[in-house]
PDB file of N, CA and C in Angstrom:
ATOM      1  N   MET A   1       9.037  -5.515 -23.435  1.00  0.00           N
ATOM      2  CA  MET A   1       8.300  -5.645 -21.705  1.00  0.00           C
ATOM      3  C   MET A   1       8.129  -4.232 -21.832  1.00  0.00           C
ATOM      4  N   THR A   2       6.783  -4.420 -20.622  1.00  0.00           N
ATOM      5  CA  THR A   2       6.287  -3.533 -20.504  1.00  0.00           C
ATOM      6  C   THR A   2       6.397  -2.815 -19.094  1.00  0.00           C
ATOM      7  N   PRO A   3       6.732  -1.610 -19.574  1.00  0.00           N
ATOM      8  CA  PRO A   3       7.314  -0.843 -17.583  1.00  0.00           C
ATOM      9  C   PRO A   3       5.815  -0.637 -17.034  1.00  0.00           C
ATOM     10  N   GLU A   4       6.456  -1.229 -15.696  1.00  0.00           N
ATOM     11  CA  GLU A   4       5.091  -1.354 -14.211  1.00  0.00           C
ATOM     12  C   GLU A   4       4.606  -0.106 -14.300  1.00  0.00           C
ATOM     13  N   HIS A   5       3.622   0.045 -13.573  1.00  0.00           N
ATOM     14  CA  HIS A   5       3.151   1.547 -13.472  1.00  0.00           C
ATOM     15  C   HIS A   5       2.336   1.510 -11.890  1.00  0.00           C
ATOM     16  N   THR A   6       1.926   2.679 -11.338  1.00  0.00           N
ATOM     17  CA  THR A   6       1.831   2.815 -10.568  1.00  0.00           C
ATOM     18  C   THR A   6       0.119   3.363 -10.791  1.00  0.00           C
ATOM     19  N   PRO A   7      -0.790   2.410 -10.353  1.00  0.00           N
ATOM     20  CA  PRO A   7      -2.117   2.932  -9.909  1.00  0.00           C
ATOM     21  C   PRO A   7      -2.805   3.937 -10.261  1.00  0.00           C
ATOM     22  N   ASP A   8      -3.432   4.775 -10.478  1.00  0.00           N
ATOM     23  CA  ASP A   8      -3.927   6.151 -10.405  1.00  0.00           C
ATOM     24  C   ASP A   8      -5.263   5.898  -9.421  1.00  0.00           C
ATOM     25  N   HIS A   9      -5.313   6.599  -8.037  1.00  0.00           N
ATOM     26  CA  HIS A   9      -5.995   6.904  -7.452  1.00  0.00           C
ATOM     27  C   HIS A   9      -6.073   7.761  -6.015  1.00  0.00           C
ATOM     28  N   ALA A  10      -6.685   8.111  -5.227  1.00  0.00           N
ATOM     29  CA  ALA A  10      -6.140   8.742  -3.683  1.00  0.00           C
ATOM     30  C   ALA A  10      -6.023   7.448  -2.645  1.00  0.00           C
ATOM     31  N   ASP A  11      -5.229   7.968  -2.694  1.00  0.00           N
ATOM     32  CA  ASP A  11      -4.084   6.914  -1.239  1.00  0.00           C
ATOM     33  C   ASP A  11      -5.056   6.638  -0.205  1.00  0.00           C
ATOM     34  N   GLU A  12      -6.095   8.377  -0.088  1.00  0.00           N
ATOM     35  CA  GLU A  12      -6.772   8.643   1.583  1.00  0.00           C
ATOM     36  C   GLU A  12      -8.430   7.519   1.356  1.00  0.00           C
ATOM     37  N   THR A  13      -8.793   6.842   0.204  1.00  0.00           N
ATOM     38  CA  THR A  13      -9.054   6.164  -0.093  1.00  0.00           C
ATOM     39  C   THR A  13      -9.227   4.272   1.246  1.00  0.00           C
ATOM     40  N   TYR A  14      -7.892   4.807   1.038  1.00  0.00           N
ATOM     41  CA  TYR A  14      -7.420   3.069   2.276  1.00  0.00           C
ATOM     42  C   TYR A  14      -7.237   3.655   3.892  1.00  0.00           C
ATOM     43  N   LEU A  15      -7.280   5.007   3.804  1.00  0.00           N
ATOM     44  CA  LEU A  15      -7.288   5.209   5.724  1.00  0.00           C
ATOM     45  C   LEU A  15      -8.521   4.627   6.661  1.00  0.00           C
ATOM     46  N   GLY A  16      -8.536   3.881   7.376  1.00  0.00           N
ATOM     47  CA  GLY A  16      -9.541   4.013   7.935  1.00  0.00           C
ATOM     48  C   GLY A  16     -10.466   2.344   7.725  1.00  0.00           C
ATOM     49  N   LEU A  17      -9.678   1.575   6.566  1.00  0.00           N
ATOM     50  CA  LEU A  17     -10.286   0.264   6.221  1.00  0.00           C
ATOM     51  C   LEU A  17      -8.955  -0.664   7.091  1.00  0.00           C
ATOM     52  N   THR A  18      -9.457  -1.945   7.242  1.00  0.00           N
ATOM     53  CA  THR A  18      -9.024  -3.103   7.553  1.00  0.00           C
ATOM     54  C   THR A  18      -7.752  -3.269   6.928  1.00  0.00           C
ATOM     55  N   GLU A  19      -6.477  -3.855   7.297  1.00  0.00           N
ATOM     56  CA  GLU A  19      -5.396  -4.222   6.238  1.00  0.00           C
ATOM     57  C   GLU A  19      -6.062  -4.869   5.682  1.00  0.00           C
ATOM     58  N   GLU A  20      -6.956  -6.577   5.653  1.00  0.00           N
ATOM     59  CA  GLU A  20      -7.346  -7.124   5.233  1.00  0.00           C
ATOM     60  C   GLU A  20      -8.316  -6.204   3.547  1.00  0.00           C
ATOM     61  N   GLU A  21      -9.331  -5.565   3.776  1.00  0.00           N
ATOM     62  CA  GLU A  21      -9.993  -4.954   2.781  1.00  0.00           C
ATOM     63  C   GLU A  21      -9.151  -4.039   2.176  1.00  0.00           C
ATOM     64  N   ALA A  22      -7.978  -3.297   3.419  1.00  0.00           N
ATOM     65  CA  ALA A  22      -7.049  -2.231   2.112  1.00  0.00           C
ATOM     66  C   ALA A  22      -6.368  -3.277   0.939  1.00  0.00           C
ATOM     67  N   GLU A  23      -5.910  -4.979   1.479  1.00  0.00           N
ATOM     68  CA  GLU A  23      -5.110  -5.192   0.404  1.00  0.00           C
ATOM     69  C   GLU A  23      -5.656  -5.543   0.043  1.00  0.00           C
ATOM     70  N   ARG A  24      -7.173  -5.996  -0.164  1.00  0.00           N
ATOM     71  CA  ARG A  24      -7.921  -6.648  -1.929  1.00  0.00           C
ATOM     72  C   ARG A  24      -8.015  -5.650  -2.225  1.00  0.00           C
ATOM     73  N   LEU A  25      -8.329  -3.928  -1.409  1.00  0.00           N
ATOM     74  CA  LEU A  25      -9.173  -3.228  -2.673  1.00  0.00           C
ATOM     75  C   LEU A  25      -7.735  -2.472  -3.252  1.00  0.00           C
ATOM     76  N   ALA A  26      -6.291  -2.947  -2.932  1.00  0.00           N
ATOM     77  CA  ALA A  26      -5.368  -2.214  -3.684  1.00  0.00           C
ATOM     78  C   ALA A  26      -4.934  -3.027  -5.085  1.00  0.00           C
ATOM     79  N   ARG A  27      -5.176  -4.751  -4.285  1.00  0.00           N
ATOM     80  CA  ARG A  27      -4.487  -5.133  -5.718  1.00  0.00           C
ATOM     81  C   ARG A  27      -6.094  -5.446  -7.078  1.00  0.00           C
ATOM     82  N   ILE A  28      -7.397  -5.407  -6.381  1.00  0.00           N
ATOM     83  CA  ILE A  28      -8.132  -5.084  -7.369  1.00  0.00           C
ATOM     84  C   ILE A  28      -7.863  -4.032  -8.170  1.00  0.00           C
ATOM     85  N   ARG A  29      -7.370  -2.452  -7.596  1.00  0.00           N
ATOM     86  CA  ARG A  29      -6.561  -1.374  -8.321  1.00  0.00           C
ATOM     87  C   ARG A  29      -5.275  -1.777  -9.368  1.00  0.00           C
ATOM     88  N   GLY A  30      -5.174  -2.805  -9.094  1.00  0.00           N
ATOM     89  CA  GLY A  30      -3.549  -3.046  -9.675  1.00  0.00           C
ATOM     90  C   GLY A  30      -2.611  -3.352  -8.932  1.00  0.00           C
ATOM     91  N   HIS A  31      -2.070  -2.929  -7.721  1.00  0.00           N
ATOM     92  CA  HIS A  31      -1.225  -2.986  -7.222  1.00  0.00           C
ATOM     93  C   HIS A  31      -0.677  -4.530  -7.223  1.00  0.00           C
ATOM     94  N   ARG A  32       0.653  -4.578  -7.711  1.00  0.00           N
ATOM     95  CA  ARG A  32       0.960  -5.895  -7.840  1.00  0.00           C
ATOM     96  C   ARG A  32       2.128  -6.294  -6.322  1.00  0.00           C
ATOM     97  N   VAL A  33       2.355  -5.028  -5.980  1.00  0.00           N
ATOM     98  CA  VAL A  33       2.905  -5.719  -4.439  1.00  0.00           C
ATOM     99  C   VAL A  33       1.989  -4.927  -3.400  1.00  0.00           C
ATOM    100  N   VAL A  34       1.822  -5.351  -2.200  1.00  0.00           N
ATOM    101  CA  VAL A  34       1.345  -4.977  -1.073  1.00  0.00           C
ATOM    102  C   VAL A  34       1.734  -5.110   0.112  1.00  0.00           C
ATOM    103  N   ARG A  35       2.076  -3.962   0.954  1.00  0.00           N
ATOM    104  CA  ARG A  35       2.926  -4.177   2.046  1.00  0.00           C
ATOM    105  C   ARG A  35       2.807  -3.675   3.435  1.00  0.00           C
ATOM    106  N   ALA A  36       2.193  -4.013   4.132  1.00  0.00           N
ATOM    107  CA  ALA A  36       1.211  -3.860   5.396  1.00  0.00           C
ATOM    108  C   ALA A  36       2.447  -3.774   6.942  1.00  0.00           C
ATOM    109  N   LEU A  37       2.622  -2.540   7.020  1.00  0.00           N
ATOM    110  CA  LEU A  37       3.374  -2.766   8.192  1.00  0.00           C
ATOM    111  C   LEU A  37       2.927  -1.740   9.516  1.00  0.00           C
ATOM    112  N   PRO A  38       3.782  -2.508  10.543  1.00  0.00           N
ATOM    113  CA  PRO A  38       3.546  -1.483  11.930  1.00  0.00           C
ATOM    114  C   PRO A  38       3.933  -0.558  12.006  1.00  0.00           C
ATOM    115  N   PRO A  39       3.927   0.563  12.689  1.00  0.00           N
ATOM    116  CA  PRO A  39       4.223   1.865  12.830  1.00  0.00           C
ATOM    117  C   PRO A  39       5.688   2.196  13.479  1.00  0.00           C
ATOM    118  N   GLY A  40       6.412   2.829  12.724  1.00  0.00           N
ATOM    119  CA  GLY A  40       7.341   2.716  13.207  1.00  0.00           C
ATOM    120  C   GLY A  40       8.745   1.661  12.205  1.00  0.00           C
ATOM    121  N   SER A  41       8.369   0.810  12.003  1.00  0.00           N
ATOM    122  CA  SER A  41       8.658  -0.460  10.792  1.00  0.00           C
ATOM    123  C   SER A  41      10.305   0.437  10.511  1.00  0.00           C
ATOM    124  N   ILE A  42      11.502  -0.302  10.080  1.00  0.00           N
ATOM    125  CA  ILE A  42      12.487  -0.026   9.574  1.00  0.00           C
ATOM    126  C   ILE A  42      12.161  -0.629   8.222  1.00  0.00           C
ATOM    127  N   ILE A  43      12.218   0.371   7.319  1.00  0.00           N
ATOM    128  CA  ILE A  43      12.419  -0.704   5.992  1.00  0.00           C
ATOM    129  C   ILE A  43      13.673   0.251   5.685  1.00  0.00           C
ATOM    130  N   THR A  44      13.415  -0.470   4.353  1.00  0.00           N
ATOM    131  CA  THR A  44      15.334   0.022   3.156  1.00  0.00           C
ATOM    132  C   THR A  44      14.162   0.976   2.119  1.00  0.00           C
ATOM    133  N   MET A  45      14.425   1.616   1.920  1.00  0.00           N
ATOM    134  CA  MET A  45      14.345   2.971   1.061  1.00  0.00           C
ATOM    135  C   MET A  45      14.529   2.883  -0.383  1.00  0.00           C
ATOM    136  N   GLU A  46      14.346   1.828  -1.153  1.00  0.00           N
ATOM    137  CA  GLU A  46      14.375   1.459  -2.554  1.00  0.00           C
ATOM    138  C   GLU A  46      12.912   1.896  -3.313  1.00  0.00           C
ATOM    139  N   TYR A  47      13.008   2.365  -3.861  1.00  0.00           N
ATOM    140  CA  TYR A  47      11.268   2.250  -4.537  1.00  0.00           C
ATOM    141  C   TYR A  47      10.973   1.957  -5.382  1.00  0.00           C
ATOM    142  N   LEU A  48      10.161   0.660  -5.328  1.00  0.00           N
ATOM    143  CA  LEU A  48       9.343   0.018  -6.344  1.00  0.00           C
ATOM    144  C   LEU A  48       8.331   0.242  -6.757  1.00  0.00           C
ATOM    145  N   GLU A  49       7.743   0.846  -8.436  1.00  0.00           N
ATOM    146  CA  GLU A  49       7.424   0.553  -8.942  1.00  0.00           C
ATOM    147  C   GLU A  49       5.825  -0.106  -8.720  1.00  0.00           C
ATOM    148  N   GLY A  50       5.121   0.058  -8.336  1.00  0.00           N
ATOM    149  CA  GLY A  50       3.745  -0.617  -8.416  1.00  0.00           C
ATOM    150  C   GLY A  50       3.329  -1.310  -7.570  1.00  0.00           C
ATOM    151  N   ARG A  51       4.332  -0.587  -6.162  1.00  0.00           N
ATOM    152  CA  ARG A  51       4.042  -1.151  -4.354  1.00  0.00           C
ATOM    153  C   ARG A  51       3.004   0.231  -3.668  1.00  0.00           C
ATOM    154  N   ILE A  52       2.354  -0.760  -2.884  1.00  0.00           N
ATOM    155  CA  ILE A  52       1.822   0.379  -2.288  1.00  0.00           C
ATOM    156  C   ILE A  52       2.162  -0.546  -0.356  1.00  0.00           C
ATOM    157  N   ASN A  53       2.167   0.625   0.103  1.00  0.00           N
ATOM    158  CA  ASN A  53       2.496   0.124   1.791  1.00  0.00           C
ATOM    159  C   ASN A  53       1.632   1.084   2.729  1.00  0.00           C
ATOM    160  N   PHE A  54       1.038   0.152   3.403  1.00  0.00           N
ATOM    161  CA  PHE A  54       0.232   0.254   4.478  1.00  0.00           C
ATOM    162  C   PHE A  54       0.866   0.387   5.742  1.00  0.00           C
ATOM    163  N   GLU A  55       0.606   1.662   6.687  1.00  0.00           N
ATOM    164  CA  GLU A  55       0.988   1.397   7.697  1.00  0.00           C
ATOM    165  C   GLU A  55      -0.511   0.955   8.783  1.00  0.00           C
ATOM    166  N   VAL A  56      -0.255  -0.171   9.766  1.00  0.00           N
ATOM    167  CA  VAL A  56      -1.054  -0.632  10.501  1.00  0.00           C
ATOM    168  C   VAL A  56      -1.084  -0.263  11.713  1.00  0.00           C
ATOM    169  N   GLU A  57      -2.193   0.022  12.495  1.00  0.00           N
ATOM    170  CA  GLU A  57      -2.109  -0.135  13.180  1.00  0.00           C
ATOM    171  C   GLU A  57      -3.664  -0.817  14.328  1.00  0.00           C
ATOM    172  N   GLY A  58      -3.545  -1.377  14.770  1.00  0.00           N
ATOM    173  CA  GLY A  58      -4.577  -2.082  15.644  1.00  0.00           C
ATOM    174  C   GLY A  58      -5.487  -2.495  13.950  1.00  0.00           C
ATOM    175  N   GLY A  59      -5.152  -3.110  13.520  1.00  0.00           N
ATOM    176  CA  GLY A  59      -5.771  -3.644  12.237  1.00  0.00           C
ATOM    177  C   GLY A  59      -6.016  -2.881  11.311  1.00  0.00           C
ATOM    178  N   VAL A  60      -5.919  -1.527  11.366  1.00  0.00           N
ATOM    179  CA  VAL A  60      -6.730  -0.365  10.751  1.00  0.00           C
ATOM    180  C   VAL A  60      -5.727  -0.088   9.544  1.00  0.00           C
ATOM    181  N   VAL A  61      -5.311   0.426   8.433  1.00  0.00           N
ATOM    182  CA  VAL A  61      -4.635   1.240   8.083  1.00  0.00           C
ATOM    183  C   VAL A  61      -4.592   2.800   8.151  1.00  0.00           C
ATOM    184  N   THR A  62      -3.671   3.516   8.734  1.00  0.00           N
ATOM    185  CA  THR A  62      -3.124   4.820   8.904  1.00  0.00           C
ATOM    186  C   THR A  62      -2.841   5.864   8.262  1.00  0.00           C
ATOM    187  N   ARG A  63      -1.367   4.918   7.242  1.00  0.00           N
ATOM    188  CA  ARG A  63      -1.342   5.857   6.733  1.00  0.00           C
ATOM    189  C   ARG A  63      -0.877   4.943   5.116  1.00  0.00           C
ATOM    190  N   VAL A  64      -0.739   5.995   3.818  1.00  0.00           N
ATOM    191  CA  VAL A  64      -0.192   4.696   2.603  1.00  0.00           C
ATOM    192  C   VAL A  64       0.988   5.782   2.158  1.00  0.00           C
ATOM    193  N   TRP A  65       1.937   5.019   1.421  1.00  0.00           N
ATOM    194  CA  TRP A  65       2.291   5.778   0.416  1.00  0.00           C
ATOM    195  C   TRP A  65       3.032   4.850  -0.261  1.00  0.00           C
ATOM    196  N   HIS A  66       3.291   5.355  -1.959  1.00  0.00           N
ATOM    197  CA  HIS A  66       4.198   3.946  -3.101  1.00  0.00           C
ATOM    198  C   HIS A  66       5.202   3.924  -2.964  1.00  0.00           C
ATOM    199  N   GLY A  67       5.801   3.000  -3.217  1.00  0.00           N
ATOM    200  CA  GLY A  67       7.220   2.894  -3.952  1.00  0.00           C
ATOM    201  C   GLY A  67       7.570   1.510  -2.681  1.00  0.00           C
TER     202      GLY A  67
END
């Protein structure tokens, strides 16, 4: 079984993109799970290798984190 990995690129490259643009780029770069959330969302804290999270406000990515 091959372990999952997190693609290596600067998170800042997603900031300012629309939710759709960011998701498309993340999948091209190899993220298997992409999650877009509104600001202040309550989420679980489990870490999932290969997942990227976007905080989206007004349709635009304002924050990015992994797991």
